[in-house]
Structures are given as structure tokens and as C-alpha cells.
């Protein structure tokens, strides 16, 4: 009886070429009116998309304006850089107007605005 010993080659992991993927960071959403927004048809996934596109790390909802304040981390400090109301956020994601907004926030000038709208 002869035993045949086969040489087993160790498996080598092949790394993909290209840029390493960024880690998915968590977005902080401060919202006291979550039930109201869900009843209107708002989807909180829209904020995740906006965060990855423009680099926001925090959103704060102000109900009287029906808007979110958008914050970025700059020099280890939070900085408010732009506003987005729930209607504009819905329109950017191929939705419809969600609510009538009677009290509007003061718009950021187009030169300083971070979020680029097609209609701005």
C-alpha cells in the first residue's frame, strides 16, 4: 500500500485594488417630533443620504420651522452650516411636498450654502 501525500498550498487572500472604503459613520439626529414626521411620510433614511453626500454629522429638528439644522465637525467643533426643510428634503428624494410651512427660516446665501438645490 502506498500512500500518496498531496502538497496543500496555503490560501492567499487577494486584496482588491483601489481605494479603501470609508467606515459608515453614525449620524446624530435630535428630533422631538418623530411621530409627527412619520405621520407626514418623512423618511429618516433621507438624512443618511444627505449626510454621506455633504459630510454632515448631526441634524437638529426645529418644529416651528419644519426644518433640520445641519452641522459639520470642523476643527473639533460643531458648526451649523445649512438648513433643510422637510419639503425640500422630500423633493430631493423624488417625493412630494409633505406639509405647509408657515414660518420659514432665514435662508443661507447661495455662496455660503452647502446643500446645492437645482432651484436655488
Protein backbone atom coordinates (compact mmCIF):
# COMPACT_ATOMS: atom_id res chain seq x y z
CA UNK A 1 0.00 0.00 0.00
CA UNK A 2 1.38 3.26 -0.99
CA UNK A 3 0.10 6.46 0.44
CA UNK A 4 0.13 9.47 -1.74
CA UNK A 5 0.70 12.73 0.08
CA UNK A 6 -0.53 15.75 -1.72
CA UNK A 7 1.01 19.11 -1.11
CA UNK A 8 -1.58 21.52 0.17
CA UNK A 9 -0.97 25.07 -0.87
CA UNK A 10 -1.92 27.71 1.69
CA UNK A 11 -4.71 30.02 0.60
CA UNK A 12 -3.60 33.54 -0.03
CA UNK A 13 -6.06 36.41 0.39
CA UNK A 14 -6.12 38.71 -2.57
CA UNK A 15 -6.66 42.35 -1.76
CA UNK A 16 -8.78 44.37 -4.12
CA UNK A 17 -7.17 47.26 -5.84
CA UNK A 18 -8.48 50.73 -5.36
CA UNK A 19 -9.39 52.98 -2.54
CA UNK A 20 -10.35 51.51 0.83
CA UNK A 21 -13.97 52.04 1.74
CA UNK A 22 -14.83 54.63 4.33
CA UNK A 23 -16.34 53.45 7.54
CA UNK A 24 -20.04 54.05 7.87
CA UNK A 25 -20.37 56.76 10.45
CA UNK A 26 -23.41 57.24 12.54
CA UNK A 27 -25.45 60.37 12.11
CA UNK A 28 -26.89 62.03 15.19
CA UNK A 29 -30.49 63.15 14.77
CA UNK A 30 -32.03 65.29 17.50
CA UNK A 31 -35.78 65.25 16.97
CA UNK A 32 -38.60 65.58 19.47
CA UNK A 33 -41.36 65.27 16.86
CA UNK A 34 -40.51 61.86 15.37
CA UNK A 35 -44.13 60.62 15.37
CA UNK A 36 -45.34 63.79 13.61
CA UNK A 37 -42.76 63.41 10.84
CA UNK A 38 -43.52 59.72 10.34
CA UNK A 39 -47.25 60.51 10.07
CA UNK A 40 -46.49 63.07 7.34
CA UNK A 41 -44.50 60.49 5.33
CA UNK A 42 -40.97 61.63 6.22
CA UNK A 43 -38.22 59.00 5.92
CA UNK A 44 -35.21 59.33 8.19
CA UNK A 45 -33.06 57.46 5.63
CA UNK A 46 -33.06 60.70 3.64
CA UNK A 47 -30.86 62.25 6.33
CA UNK A 48 -28.33 59.41 5.96
CA UNK A 49 -28.11 60.08 2.23
CA UNK A 50 -27.67 63.80 2.82
CA UNK A 51 -25.00 63.10 5.42
CA UNK A 52 -22.91 60.95 3.10
CA UNK A 53 -23.26 63.42 0.22
CA UNK A 54 -22.33 66.59 2.12
CA UNK A 55 -20.43 65.33 5.18
CA UNK A 56 -22.90 66.33 7.89
CA UNK A 57 -22.61 64.54 11.21
CA UNK A 58 -25.57 65.97 13.12
CA UNK A 59 -29.11 67.13 12.37
CA UNK A 60 -31.30 69.08 14.78
CA UNK A 61 -35.02 69.36 14.03
CA UNK A 62 -36.85 72.61 14.84
CA UNK A 63 -40.57 72.04 14.64
CA UNK A 64 -41.66 75.67 14.26
CA UNK A 65 -39.67 75.90 11.01
CA UNK A 66 -40.31 72.24 9.98
CA UNK A 67 -36.58 72.19 9.22
CA UNK A 68 -33.36 70.49 10.18
CA UNK A 69 -30.22 72.38 11.12
CA UNK A 70 -27.23 70.68 9.52
CA UNK A 71 -23.95 70.52 11.44
CA UNK A 72 -20.42 69.64 10.39
CA UNK A 73 -17.41 68.82 12.52
CA UNK A 74 -14.76 71.47 11.87
CA UNK A 75 -11.63 71.88 13.99
CA UNK A 76 -13.12 69.62 16.70
CA UNK A 77 -16.17 71.88 17.00
CA UNK A 78 -19.70 71.54 15.72
CA UNK A 79 -20.58 74.21 13.22
CA UNK A 80 -24.05 74.94 11.87
CA UNK A 81 -23.63 75.27 8.12
CA UNK A 82 -27.06 74.98 6.48
CA UNK A 83 -30.81 74.40 6.84
CA UNK A 84 -33.07 71.97 5.02
CA UNK A 85 -36.81 71.84 5.47
CA UNK A 86 -38.82 68.64 5.19
CA UNK A 87 -40.38 69.66 1.87
CA UNK A 88 -37.02 70.29 0.18
CA UNK A 89 -35.64 67.04 1.58
CA UNK A 90 -38.62 65.18 0.15
CA UNK A 91 -38.24 66.89 -3.24
CA UNK A 92 -34.54 65.97 -3.40
CA UNK A 93 -35.56 62.33 -2.90
CA UNK A 94 -38.23 62.34 -5.63
CA UNK A 95 -41.08 62.88 -3.21
CA UNK A 96 -43.85 65.41 -2.86
CA UNK A 97 -44.45 68.36 -0.55
CA UNK A 98 -45.16 66.97 2.91
CA UNK A 99 -46.51 69.94 4.85
CA UNK A 100 -47.41 73.59 4.52
CA UNK A 101 -44.71 75.64 6.23
CA UNK A 102 -45.97 78.97 7.52
CA UNK A 103 -42.85 80.15 9.35
CA UNK A 104 -39.65 79.92 7.28
CA UNK A 105 -36.08 80.02 8.50
CA UNK A 106 -33.70 82.61 7.09
CA UNK A 107 -32.08 81.15 4.00
CA UNK A 108 -28.31 80.82 3.77
CA UNK A 109 -26.84 82.82 0.91
CA UNK A 110 -26.16 80.74 -2.22
CA UNK A 111 -22.43 81.47 -1.94
CA UNK A 112 -22.23 80.03 1.58
CA UNK A 113 -24.79 77.24 1.10
CA UNK A 114 -23.55 73.68 1.38
CA UNK A 115 -26.62 71.90 0.02
CA UNK A 116 -26.98 72.51 -3.70
CA UNK A 117 -30.56 72.64 -4.96
CA UNK A 118 -31.41 72.67 -8.65
CA UNK A 119 -33.83 75.54 -8.00
CA UNK A 120 -31.53 77.71 -5.84
